[in-house]
Amino acid sequence: MTVSQLNEAAKNLLEIQFGDIEVSGEISRLVKHSSGHWYFALKDEKSVIQAAMFKGDNAKVKFNAKDGDKVSVIGKITIFPPTGSYQIVIKKMLPQGMGEMELAFKALKEKLQKEGLFDQTHKKPLPNFPKQVAIITSTTSAAYQDMINRIKQSGYFLCKFSVFNSLMQGENAPQSILSAIKKADNMGFCAIIIARGGGSKEDLWCFNDESLARAIYHAKTPIISAIGHEIDYSISDFVADHRSITPTASIDDLLPNADEIRQKFDLNLINLQNFINNKINLAQICLKNSSLNLKSRAVTQQLNLADEKLQKFALSYKSTINQIFAKFNAILDKNQAILHKQDQFFKITKDLVNLQKDGKKITLEELKDGDLVNLISQNSNKFAKILS
């Protein structure tokens, strides 16, 4: 047997015996060759092994590898026949103790943060009294139903909500959400809410998409990110103009409290009335003092005329204020009546079912034996098959 044959036999034996293995160690004597390949030693307290990571594989590494880094690698044990060197050829490298998703999240977060996409100076303020709001979510989700219920409970009837149905998890979700953002951003809404209930890290991963993050940043409309629960953070949360800890909380964060508005309105009315009364009383005191100091009848008549004009002004001013508040109360009563009608409609249609086939509405008469249909009610969504 020649030396070449021996080395080749040993190479084949090692590769068959070990296959792909995972090894942890510390990078030492790292050389990033001009060819794009990496060559280094992987060591622990007692031993060392030579390592190579070729250009196509090291291009996928999501961090800046350097000497001293503790890493976990996956690769094949082999022998380089020309020199008989025993080495590991690495296919994948991660910082020790960090998963791929966590590493990708950290890398994208650092990248966008350096570009200034998270800076507070770029955050657009939310409207104090929104009139039109877009909600981007899945219309069949529990989160959407919770938001509808909170809108009803808020008592604020001056805002119209429009929903944009979108995928909220999976590989195609980022593009679906991005398309909804672009559409809503050009429709003149006061704010946009992106809402999705809780889930696993994998379920929420679509909100860590770079293209989606940039679309949120460049939108003209203030955007609220309401993804998952309080402990769940995504890239969308950092780049949005406001983060709400849950979809339901986004309604509380955006809409003013109706009771607080009424209290402030009443307080302002009292303050305004007190201000007017104080001005009138002060003017009357001045007139009385002037009347005591002046004996002339003509002057007395002028003072009486001025007092009469002042009284008329006070009555006119109070009448105007009362008219303004009467109009405001009429608007509130009208919106409360509208809400009552909507609530009655929801109660009446609660048990009604909408039939859809292939995403389109269909009547019962149009259905055929064997058709697959989607049964949609206010609070549920089921699939069924027509048997006859």
Protein backbone atom coordinates (compact mmCIF):
# COMPACT_ATOMS: atom_id res chain seq x y z
CA MET A 1 0.00 0.00 0.00
CA THR A 2 1.35 3.41 -0.90
CA VAL A 3 1.17 6.50 1.31
CA SER A 4 -1.48 7.98 -0.97
CA GLN A 5 -3.54 4.83 -0.75
CA LEU A 6 -3.19 4.80 3.04
CA ASN A 7 -4.32 8.41 3.38
CA GLU A 8 -7.23 7.88 1.01
CA ALA A 9 -8.33 4.75 2.89
CA ALA A 10 -8.13 6.58 6.22
CA LYS A 11 -10.13 9.48 4.73
CA ASN A 12 -12.89 7.15 3.56
CA LEU A 13 -12.95 5.34 6.89
CA LEU A 14 -13.33 8.60 8.88
CA GLU A 15 -16.04 10.02 6.63
CA ILE A 16 -18.08 6.81 6.74
CA GLN A 17 -17.65 6.34 10.48
CA PHE A 18 -18.57 9.87 11.62
CA GLY A 19 -20.72 11.51 8.93
CA ASP A 20 -22.06 14.94 10.00
CA ILE A 21 -21.10 15.77 13.57
CA GLU A 22 -21.53 18.79 15.88
CA VAL A 23 -18.47 20.07 17.74
CA SER A 24 -18.03 22.95 20.18
CA GLY A 25 -14.80 24.81 20.72
CA GLU A 26 -12.88 28.08 20.50
CA ILE A 27 -11.66 29.62 17.23
CA SER A 28 -7.88 30.07 17.04
CA ARG A 29 -5.50 31.34 14.32
CA LEU A 30 -8.35 32.25 11.98
CA VAL A 31 -7.27 33.06 8.39
CA LYS A 32 -9.85 34.48 5.99
CA HIS A 33 -8.17 33.72 2.68
CA SER A 34 -8.46 35.96 -0.39
CA SER A 35 -10.20 33.04 -2.11
CA GLY A 36 -13.06 33.44 0.36
CA HIS A 37 -12.29 30.25 2.30
CA TRP A 38 -11.62 30.23 6.07
CA TYR A 39 -8.90 28.19 7.75
CA PHE A 40 -8.49 27.98 11.53
CA ALA A 41 -8.02 25.72 14.53
CA LEU A 42 -10.85 24.66 16.80
CA LYS A 43 -9.69 23.98 20.36
CA ASP A 44 -10.71 23.34 23.96
CA GLU A 45 -8.67 23.10 27.17
CA LYS A 46 -6.96 19.84 26.17
CA SER A 47 -7.09 19.36 22.39
CA VAL A 48 -7.11 21.06 18.99
CA ILE A 49 -8.32 20.14 15.50
CA GLN A 50 -7.70 21.93 12.21
CA ALA A 51 -10.78 23.28 10.47
CA ALA A 52 -11.78 24.62 7.06
CA MET A 53 -14.95 26.42 6.02
CA PHE A 54 -15.35 27.08 2.34
CA LYS A 55 -16.69 30.28 0.76
CA GLY A 56 -20.22 29.08 -0.01
CA ASP A 57 -20.74 27.98 3.59
CA ASN A 58 -19.06 30.82 5.50
CA ALA A 59 -21.12 33.35 3.49
CA LYS A 60 -24.14 32.09 5.48
CA VAL A 61 -22.56 32.87 8.87
CA LYS A 62 -24.61 35.63 10.52
CA PHE A 63 -21.90 37.08 12.79
CA ASN A 64 -18.31 38.33 12.52
CA ALA A 65 -16.28 35.27 13.47
CA LYS A 66 -12.90 36.02 15.09
CA ASP A 67 -10.21 34.47 17.27
CA GLY A 68 -11.44 33.64 20.75
CA ASP A 69 -15.09 33.15 19.76
CA LYS A 70 -16.72 30.08 21.31
CA VAL A 71 -18.76 28.39 18.60
CA SER A 72 -20.77 25.29 17.76
CA VAL A 73 -20.09 23.88 14.30
CA ILE A 74 -21.52 21.10 12.14
CA GLY A 75 -19.31 19.39 9.59
CA LYS A 76 -17.52 16.26 8.40
CA ILE A 77 -14.32 14.72 9.75
CA THR A 78 -11.86 14.04 6.93
CA ILE A 79 -8.20 13.77 6.02
CA PHE A 80 -6.51 16.02 3.47
CA PRO A 81 -4.70 13.30 1.44
CA PRO A 82 -1.73 15.36 0.12
CA THR A 83 -0.50 16.11 3.65
CA GLY A 84 -2.31 13.50 5.70
CA SER A 85 -3.78 16.31 7.84
CA TYR A 86 -6.73 15.35 10.03
CA GLN A 87 -9.40 18.12 9.94
CA ILE A 88 -13.07 19.03 10.10
CA VAL A 89 -14.74 20.64 7.08
CA ILE A 90 -17.46 22.90 8.50
CA LYS A 91 -20.86 23.45 6.89
CA LYS A 92 -22.59 25.54 9.59
CA MET A 93 -21.35 27.77 12.44
CA LEU A 94 -23.25 29.41 15.32
CA PRO A 95 -22.13 31.28 18.43
CA GLN A 96 -22.19 28.81 21.27
CA GLY A 97 -25.51 28.81 23.14
CA MET A 98 -27.37 30.81 20.45
CA GLY A 99 -29.91 29.36 17.99
CA GLU A 100 -30.21 30.33 14.34
CA MET A 101 -33.44 32.31 14.81
CA GLU A 102 -32.03 34.24 17.76
CA LEU A 103 -28.87 34.97 15.82
CA ALA A 104 -30.79 36.18 12.74
CA PHE A 105 -33.03 38.36 14.94
CA LYS A 106 -30.03 39.92 16.67
CA ALA A 107 -28.18 40.54 13.39
CA LEU A 108 -31.18 42.25 11.73
CA LYS A 109 -31.92 44.30 14.83
CA GLU A 110 -28.33 45.59 14.99
CA LYS A 111 -28.35 46.35 11.25
CA LEU A 112 -31.58 48.37 11.31
CA GLN A 113 -30.63 50.11 14.55
CA LYS A 114 -27.36 51.30 13.00
CA GLU A 115 -29.34 52.66 10.04
CA GLY A 116 -31.51 54.69 12.45
CA LEU A 117 -34.82 52.93 11.78
CA PHE A 118 -35.55 52.68 15.52
CA ASP A 119 -34.71 56.32 16.40
CA GLN A 120 -37.40 58.17 18.36
CA THR A 121 -36.91 61.23 16.14
CA HIS A 122 -38.53 59.30 13.27
CA LYS A 123 -41.58 58.17 15.25
CA LYS A 124 -44.84 59.73 14.08
CA PRO A 125 -47.25 60.79 16.87
CA LEU A 126 -50.61 59.04 17.20
CA PRO A 127 -53.71 61.22 16.61
CA ASN A 128 -55.50 62.56 19.70
CA PHE A 129 -58.96 62.04 18.20
CA PRO A 130 -58.74 59.53 15.31
CA LYS A 131 -61.54 59.54 12.74
CA GLN A 132 -60.49 56.65 10.46
CA VAL A 133 -58.28 53.70 11.47
CA ALA A 134 -57.09 50.68 9.47
CA ILE A 135 -56.64 47.27 11.13
CA ILE A 136 -54.38 44.74 9.39
CA THR A 137 -55.05 41.27 10.79
CA SER A 138 -56.68 37.91 10.10
CA THR A 139 -60.44 38.44 10.21
CA THR A 140 -60.96 34.88 11.48
CA SER A 141 -58.66 35.33 14.49
CA ALA A 142 -59.66 35.64 18.13
CA ALA A 143 -57.48 38.75 18.36
CA TYR A 144 -59.71 40.52 15.81
CA GLN A 145 -62.88 39.64 17.75
CA ASP A 146 -61.27 40.91 20.97
CA MET A 147 -60.47 44.22 19.26
CA ILE A 148 -64.05 44.60 17.99
CA ASN A 149 -65.38 44.01 21.50
CA ARG A 150 -62.98 46.57 22.99
CA ILE A 151 -64.01 49.15 20.38
CA LYS A 152 -67.63 48.71 21.44
CA GLN A 153 -66.69 48.96 25.13
CA SER A 154 -64.66 52.15 24.62
CA GLY A 155 -67.75 54.31 24.09
CA TYR A 156 -65.89 56.39 21.49
CA PHE A 157 -68.16 56.59 18.45
CA LEU A 158 -66.40 59.20 16.34
CA CYS A 159 -63.96 56.80 14.66
CA LYS A 160 -64.57 54.49 11.68
CA PHE A 161 -62.54 51.26 11.50
CA SER A 162 -61.64 49.42 8.29
CA VAL A 163 -60.13 45.92 8.32
CA PHE A 164 -57.59 44.56 5.82
CA ASN A 165 -57.57 40.76 5.92
CA SER A 166 -54.02 39.36 5.78
CA LEU A 167 -51.94 36.27 6.45
CA MET A 168 -50.38 36.66 9.89
CA GLN A 169 -47.97 33.72 10.00
CA GLY A 170 -46.02 31.58 7.58
CA GLU A 171 -43.63 32.15 4.71
CA ASN A 172 -46.04 34.30 2.65
CA ALA A 173 -47.24 36.44 5.57
CA PRO A 174 -44.62 39.27 5.28
CA GLN A 175 -45.58 40.02 1.67
CA SER A 176 -49.30 39.84 2.51
CA ILE A 177 -48.90 42.30 5.40
CA LEU A 178 -46.61 44.54 3.34
CA SER A 179 -49.21 44.76 0.55
CA ALA A 180 -51.93 45.67 3.07
CA ILE A 181 -49.71 48.42 4.54
CA LYS A 182 -49.05 49.97 1.13
CA LYS A 183 -52.76 49.93 0.29
CA ALA A 184 -53.89 51.41 3.62
CA ASP A 185 -51.09 54.00 3.63
CA ASN A 186 -52.54 55.61 0.49
CA MET A 187 -56.13 55.81 1.75
CA GLY A 188 -55.82 58.68 4.22
CA PHE A 189 -56.22 56.78 7.50
CA CYS A 190 -55.30 58.49 10.78
CA ALA A 191 -53.47 55.36 11.98
CA ILE A 192 -52.79 51.74 11.04
CA ILE A 193 -52.83 48.84 13.55
CA ILE A 194 -50.97 45.61 12.71
CA ALA A 195 -52.45 43.03 15.09
CA ARG A 196 -51.71 39.38 15.79
CA GLY A 197 -52.39 37.36 18.95
CA GLY A 198 -49.83 35.32 20.85
CA GLY A 199 -47.98 32.31 19.49
CA SER A 200 -44.65 30.55 19.36
CA LYS A 201 -41.46 32.21 18.17
CA GLU A 202 -41.93 30.42 14.85
CA ASP A 203 -45.53 31.66 14.54
CA LEU A 204 -44.44 35.27 15.06
CA TRP A 205 -41.27 35.05 12.95
CA CYS A 206 -42.86 36.78 9.93
CA PHE A 207 -42.77 40.05 11.88
CA ASN A 208 -38.96 39.90 11.84
CA ASP A 209 -38.84 40.32 8.05
CA GLU A 210 -36.52 43.09 6.80
CA SER A 211 -38.74 44.17 3.89
CA LEU A 212 -41.74 44.43 6.21
CA ALA A 213 -39.72 46.49 8.70
CA ARG A 214 -38.68 48.94 5.98
CA ALA A 215 -42.27 49.25 4.74
CA ILE A 216 -43.42 50.16 8.26
CA TYR A 217 -40.61 52.72 8.57
CA HIS A 218 -41.34 54.42 5.24
CA ALA A 219 -45.15 54.56 5.69
CA LYS A 220 -46.69 58.04 5.85
CA THR A 221 -49.36 56.90 8.33
CA PRO A 222 -48.56 56.30 12.04
CA ILE A 223 -48.38 52.53 12.61
CA ILE A 224 -49.08 50.62 15.82
CA SER A 225 -47.45 47.19 16.18
CA ALA A 226 -49.65 44.95 18.37
CA ILE A 227 -48.01 41.55 18.04
CA GLY A 228 -48.31 38.68 20.55
CA HIS A 229 -48.14 39.35 24.28
CA GLU A 230 -46.14 41.75 26.44
CA ILE A 231 -43.11 39.43 26.57
CA ASP A 232 -43.03 38.95 22.77
CA TYR A 233 -40.77 41.35 20.88
CA SER A 234 -40.37 41.52 17.11
CA ILE A 235 -38.52 43.79 14.68
CA SER A 236 -41.90 45.31 13.78
CA ASP A 237 -42.27 46.49 17.39
CA PHE A 238 -38.98 48.39 17.26
CA VAL A 239 -39.56 50.08 13.90
CA ALA A 240 -43.25 50.97 14.38
CA ASP A 241 -44.30 54.39 15.65
CA HIS A 242 -45.92 52.81 18.71
CA ARG A 243 -45.86 49.35 20.31
CA SER A 244 -48.92 47.98 22.10
CA ILE A 245 -48.45 44.94 24.35
CA THR A 246 -51.51 43.14 22.91
CA PRO A 247 -54.01 43.69 20.06
CA THR A 248 -56.69 44.69 22.59
CA ALA A 249 -54.30 47.16 24.23
CA SER A 250 -53.81 48.90 20.87
CA ILE A 251 -57.44 50.06 20.99
CA ASP A 252 -56.91 51.45 24.51
CA ASP A 253 -53.69 53.18 23.40
CA LEU A 254 -55.29 54.79 20.35
CA LEU A 255 -58.83 55.77 21.32
CA PRO A 256 -59.54 58.49 23.89
CA ASN A 257 -61.69 57.46 26.84
CA ALA A 258 -65.25 58.74 26.32
CA ASP A 259 -65.87 59.32 30.04
CA GLU A 260 -62.65 61.31 30.38
CA ILE A 261 -63.65 63.46 27.39
CA ARG A 262 -67.01 64.25 28.99
CA GLN A 263 -65.35 65.10 32.31
CA LYS A 264 -62.84 67.41 30.63
CA PHE A 265 -65.64 68.98 28.62
CA ASP A 266 -67.68 69.64 31.76
CA LEU A 267 -64.63 71.03 33.56
CA ASN A 268 -63.80 73.36 30.66
CA LEU A 269 -67.42 74.55 30.58
CA ILE A 270 -67.34 75.32 34.31
CA ASN A 271 -64.02 77.15 33.93
CA LEU A 272 -65.36 79.16 30.98
CA GLN A 273 -68.54 80.08 32.84
CA ASN A 274 -66.52 81.12 35.90
CA PHE A 275 -64.24 83.21 33.69
CA ILE A 276 -67.20 84.99 32.08
CA ASN A 277 -68.93 85.58 35.44
CA ASN A 278 -65.72 86.96 36.95
CA LYS A 279 -65.29 89.37 34.04
CA ILE A 280 -68.91 90.49 34.31
CA ASN A 281 -68.67 90.96 38.10
CA LEU A 282 -65.45 92.90 37.71
CA ALA A 283 -67.02 95.17 35.10
CA GLN A 284 -70.06 95.75 37.32
CA ILE A 285 -67.86 96.69 40.25
CA CYS A 286 -65.98 99.16 38.05
CA LEU A 287 -69.27 100.69 36.87
CA LYS A 288 -70.57 101.02 40.43
CA ASN A 289 -67.37 102.67 41.61
CA SER A 290 -67.46 105.07 38.68
CA SER A 291 -71.12 105.86 39.42
CA LEU A 292 -70.34 106.83 43.02
CA ASN A 293 -67.58 109.20 41.92
CA LEU A 294 -69.59 110.92 39.23
CA LYS A 295 -72.63 113.01 40.13
CA SER A 296 -73.62 114.08 36.67
CA ARG A 297 -76.96 112.68 35.45
CA ALA A 298 -75.66 112.31 31.92
CA VAL A 299 -72.75 110.25 33.15
CA THR A 300 -75.14 108.15 35.24
CA GLN A 301 -77.24 107.48 32.12
CA GLN A 302 -74.14 106.45 30.18
CA LEU A 303 -73.17 104.08 32.97
CA ASN A 304 -76.66 102.58 33.02
CA LEU A 305 -76.53 102.13 29.24
CA ALA A 306 -73.13 100.47 29.47
CA ASP A 307 -74.41 98.17 32.21
CA GLU A 308 -77.43 97.27 30.08
CA LYS A 309 -75.15 96.43 27.12
CA LEU A 310 -72.95 94.34 29.40
CA GLN A 311 -75.96 92.38 30.64
CA LYS A 312 -77.10 91.73 27.05
CA PHE A 313 -73.61 90.58 26.12
CA ALA A 314 -73.55 88.16 29.05
CA LEU A 315 -76.91 86.68 28.06
CA SER A 316 -75.85 86.38 24.40
CA TYR A 317 -72.52 84.75 25.33
CA LYS A 318 -74.17 82.21 27.63
CA SER A 319 -76.77 81.43 24.94
CA THR A 320 -74.01 80.76 22.37
CA ILE A 321 -72.19 78.43 24.77
CA ASN A 322 -75.40 76.52 25.49
CA GLN A 323 -76.05 76.11 21.74
CA ILE A 324 -72.54 74.70 21.18
CA PHE A 325 -72.99 72.13 23.93
CA ALA A 326 -76.48 71.26 22.70
CA LYS A 327 -75.05 70.45 19.24
CA PHE A 328 -72.27 68.33 20.80
CA ASN A 329 -74.79 66.38 22.90
CA ALA A 330 -76.93 65.83 19.78
CA ILE A 331 -73.89 64.33 17.98
CA LEU A 332 -73.21 62.02 20.93
CA ASP A 333 -76.86 60.92 21.05
CA LYS A 334 -76.82 60.22 17.30
CA ASN A 335 -73.66 58.09 17.51
CA GLN A 336 -75.03 56.19 20.51
CA ALA A 337 -78.15 55.40 18.47
CA ILE A 338 -75.98 54.16 15.59
CA LEU A 339 -74.00 51.92 17.97
CA HIS A 340 -77.26 50.54 19.38
CA LYS A 341 -78.46 49.64 15.88
CA GLN A 342 -75.12 47.98 15.09
CA ASP A 343 -75.28 46.03 18.36
CA GLN A 344 -78.81 44.86 17.52
CA PHE A 345 -77.60 43.83 14.05
CA PHE A 346 -74.79 41.74 15.57
CA LYS A 347 -77.29 40.06 17.94
CA ILE A 348 -79.79 39.33 15.12
CA THR A 349 -77.08 37.92 12.79
CA LYS A 350 -75.19 36.07 15.52
CA ASP A 351 -76.47 32.64 14.44
CA LEU A 352 -76.38 33.32 10.68
CA VAL A 353 -73.79 31.51 8.57
CA ASN A 354 -72.06 32.81 5.43
CA LEU A 355 -71.27 30.15 2.79
CA GLN A 356 -68.03 30.41 0.80
CA LYS A 357 -66.52 28.10 -1.77
CA ASP A 358 -62.96 28.66 -2.99
CA GLY A 359 -62.95 32.02 -1.14
CA LYS A 360 -66.13 33.28 -2.88
CA LYS A 361 -69.68 33.65 -1.58
CA ILE A 362 -72.16 31.00 -2.81
CA THR A 363 -75.83 30.26 -2.24
CA LEU A 364 -77.17 26.96 -0.87
CA GLU A 365 -78.93 26.29 -4.19
CA GLU A 366 -75.63 26.51 -6.10
CA LEU A 367 -73.90 23.82 -4.04
CA LYS A 368 -73.35 20.34 -5.42
CA ASP A 369 -72.75 16.95 -3.86
CA GLY A 370 -69.11 16.67 -2.73
CA ASP A 371 -68.44 20.45 -2.68
CA LEU A 372 -66.08 21.69 0.05
CA VAL A 373 -67.43 24.85 1.67
CA ASN A 374 -66.32 27.32 4.35
CA LEU A 375 -68.99 28.11 6.98
CA ILE A 376 -68.33 31.54 8.52
CA SER A 377 -70.20 33.10 11.43
CA GLN A 378 -69.35 36.09 13.57
CA ASN A 379 -67.22 34.09 15.97
CA SER A 380 -66.28 30.88 14.15
CA ASN A 381 -65.00 29.47 10.91
CA LYS A 382 -65.58 25.80 9.91
CA PHE A 383 -65.05 23.72 6.80
CA ALA A 384 -67.70 21.21 5.60
CA LYS A 385 -68.43 18.83 2.75
CA ILE A 386 -71.83 18.62 1.00
CA LEU A 387 -73.09 15.02 1.12
CA SER A 388 -76.32 15.33 -0.85
